[in-house]
């Protein structure tokens, strides 16, 4: 598919360099990077604590602390 996008100069420069180094088209390089960015993180890539995977914090989400958990448990009673 053919389309026009505006990229920051530094991103375009890096993408063109990668395309040249790999002998691939600019479109192939950008498509591959978008696919990789859109793929969900594999559980093995997530940090772990005590064998439990730690999920990444969503922007704007409150920080879950022991005090918050206690407060929520008490409100549920």
C-alpha atoms as a PDB file:
ATOM      1  CA  UNK A   1       0.000   0.000   0.000  1.00  0.00           C
ATOM      2  CA  UNK A   2       1.307   3.407  -0.841  1.00  0.00           C
ATOM      3  CA  UNK A   3       0.745   6.393   1.448  1.00  0.00           C
ATOM      4  CA  UNK A   4       2.437   9.583   2.605  1.00  0.00           C
ATOM      5  CA  UNK A   5       3.521  10.184   6.196  1.00  0.00           C
ATOM      6  CA  UNK A   6       5.554  12.898   7.889  1.00  0.00           C
ATOM      7  CA  UNK A   7       8.439  11.544   9.946  1.00  0.00           C
ATOM      8  CA  UNK A   8      10.858  13.399  12.146  1.00  0.00           C
ATOM      9  CA  UNK A   9      14.140  13.964  10.332  1.00  0.00           C
ATOM     10  CA  UNK A  10      16.156  11.873  12.793  1.00  0.00           C
ATOM     11  CA  UNK A  11      13.792   8.889  12.459  1.00  0.00           C
ATOM     12  CA  UNK A  12      13.846   9.061   8.675  1.00  0.00           C
ATOM     13  CA  UNK A  13      17.646   9.234   8.672  1.00  0.00           C
ATOM     14  CA  UNK A  14      17.965   6.171  10.914  1.00  0.00           C
ATOM     15  CA  UNK A  15      15.360   4.215   8.941  1.00  0.00           C
ATOM     16  CA  UNK A  16      17.089   4.997   5.633  1.00  0.00           C
ATOM     17  CA  UNK A  17      20.438   3.945   7.083  1.00  0.00           C
ATOM     18  CA  UNK A  18      18.965   0.635   8.320  1.00  0.00           C
ATOM     19  CA  UNK A  19      17.331   0.032   4.949  1.00  0.00           C
ATOM     20  CA  UNK A  20      20.624   0.575   3.158  1.00  0.00           C
ATOM     21  CA  UNK A  21      22.600  -1.582   5.604  1.00  0.00           C
ATOM     22  CA  UNK A  22      20.113  -4.446   5.374  1.00  0.00           C
ATOM     23  CA  UNK A  23      19.461  -4.159   1.648  1.00  0.00           C
ATOM     24  CA  UNK A  24      15.744  -3.659   2.270  1.00  0.00           C
ATOM     25  CA  UNK A  25      13.266  -0.983   1.268  1.00  0.00           C
ATOM     26  CA  UNK A  26      12.401   1.881   3.588  1.00  0.00           C
ATOM     27  CA  UNK A  27       8.803   0.626   3.652  1.00  0.00           C
ATOM     28  CA  UNK A  28       9.929  -2.866   4.759  1.00  0.00           C
ATOM     29  CA  UNK A  29      12.038  -1.404   7.596  1.00  0.00           C
ATOM     30  CA  UNK A  30       9.191   0.805   8.847  1.00  0.00           C
ATOM     31  CA  UNK A  31       6.609  -1.995   8.532  1.00  0.00           C
ATOM     32  CA  UNK A  32       8.814  -4.399  10.506  1.00  0.00           C
ATOM     33  CA  UNK A  33       9.357  -1.855  13.279  1.00  0.00           C
ATOM     34  CA  UNK A  34       5.651  -1.030  13.510  1.00  0.00           C
ATOM     35  CA  UNK A  35       4.766  -4.734  13.700  1.00  0.00           C
ATOM     36  CA  UNK A  36       7.294  -5.260  16.480  1.00  0.00           C
ATOM     37  CA  UNK A  37       6.018  -2.219  18.396  1.00  0.00           C
ATOM     38  CA  UNK A  38       2.394  -3.347  18.127  1.00  0.00           C
ATOM     39  CA  UNK A  39       3.079  -6.921  19.264  1.00  0.00           C
ATOM     40  CA  UNK A  40       2.185  -7.491  22.934  1.00  0.00           C
ATOM     41  CA  UNK A  41       5.127  -8.156  25.207  1.00  0.00           C
ATOM     42  CA  UNK A  42       5.740 -11.837  25.774  1.00  0.00           C
ATOM     43  CA  UNK A  43       5.427 -12.852  29.428  1.00  0.00           C
ATOM     44  CA  UNK A  44       9.068 -13.949  29.421  1.00  0.00           C
ATOM     45  CA  UNK A  45      10.070 -10.363  28.612  1.00  0.00           C
ATOM     46  CA  UNK A  46       8.284  -8.965  31.662  1.00  0.00           C
ATOM     47  CA  UNK A  47      10.194  -8.339  34.848  1.00  0.00           C
ATOM     48  CA  UNK A  48       9.396 -10.745  37.669  1.00  0.00           C
ATOM     49  CA  UNK A  49       9.258 -10.512  41.429  1.00  0.00           C
ATOM     50  CA  UNK A  50       9.043 -13.736  43.443  1.00  0.00           C
ATOM     51  CA  UNK A  51       8.186 -15.610  40.252  1.00  0.00           C
ATOM     52  CA  UNK A  52       5.224 -13.341  39.449  1.00  0.00           C
ATOM     53  CA  UNK A  53       5.390 -11.282  36.235  1.00  0.00           C
ATOM     54  CA  UNK A  54       5.187  -7.540  36.824  1.00  0.00           C
ATOM     55  CA  UNK A  55       2.860  -5.837  34.378  1.00  0.00           C
ATOM     56  CA  UNK A  56       3.930  -2.467  32.972  1.00  0.00           C
ATOM     57  CA  UNK A  57       2.240   0.542  34.559  1.00  0.00           C
ATOM     58  CA  UNK A  58      -0.259   2.269  32.310  1.00  0.00           C
ATOM     59  CA  UNK A  59       0.074   6.010  31.885  1.00  0.00           C
ATOM     60  CA  UNK A  60      -2.106   7.796  34.414  1.00  0.00           C
ATOM     61  CA  UNK A  61      -2.860   4.657  36.421  1.00  0.00           C
ATOM     62  CA  UNK A  62      -2.480   5.003  40.193  1.00  0.00           C
ATOM     63  CA  UNK A  63       0.507   3.368  41.827  1.00  0.00           C
ATOM     64  CA  UNK A  64      -0.639   0.247  43.705  1.00  0.00           C
ATOM     65  CA  UNK A  65       0.858   0.311  47.179  1.00  0.00           C
ATOM     66  CA  UNK A  66       0.220  -1.881  50.226  1.00  0.00           C
ATOM     67  CA  UNK A  67      -1.724   1.030  51.754  1.00  0.00           C
ATOM     68  CA  UNK A  68      -3.978   1.261  48.694  1.00  0.00           C
ATOM     69  CA  UNK A  69      -4.630  -2.496  48.782  1.00  0.00           C
ATOM     70  CA  UNK A  70      -5.472  -2.289  52.507  1.00  0.00           C
ATOM     71  CA  UNK A  71      -7.796   0.653  51.866  1.00  0.00           C
ATOM     72  CA  UNK A  72      -9.587  -1.200  49.067  1.00  0.00           C
ATOM     73  CA  UNK A  73      -9.941  -4.373  51.136  1.00  0.00           C
ATOM     74  CA  UNK A  74     -11.414  -2.408  54.017  1.00  0.00           C
ATOM     75  CA  UNK A  75     -13.854  -0.599  51.699  1.00  0.00           C
ATOM     76  CA  UNK A  76     -15.020  -3.987  50.388  1.00  0.00           C
ATOM     77  CA  UNK A  77     -16.094  -5.202  53.828  1.00  0.00           C
END
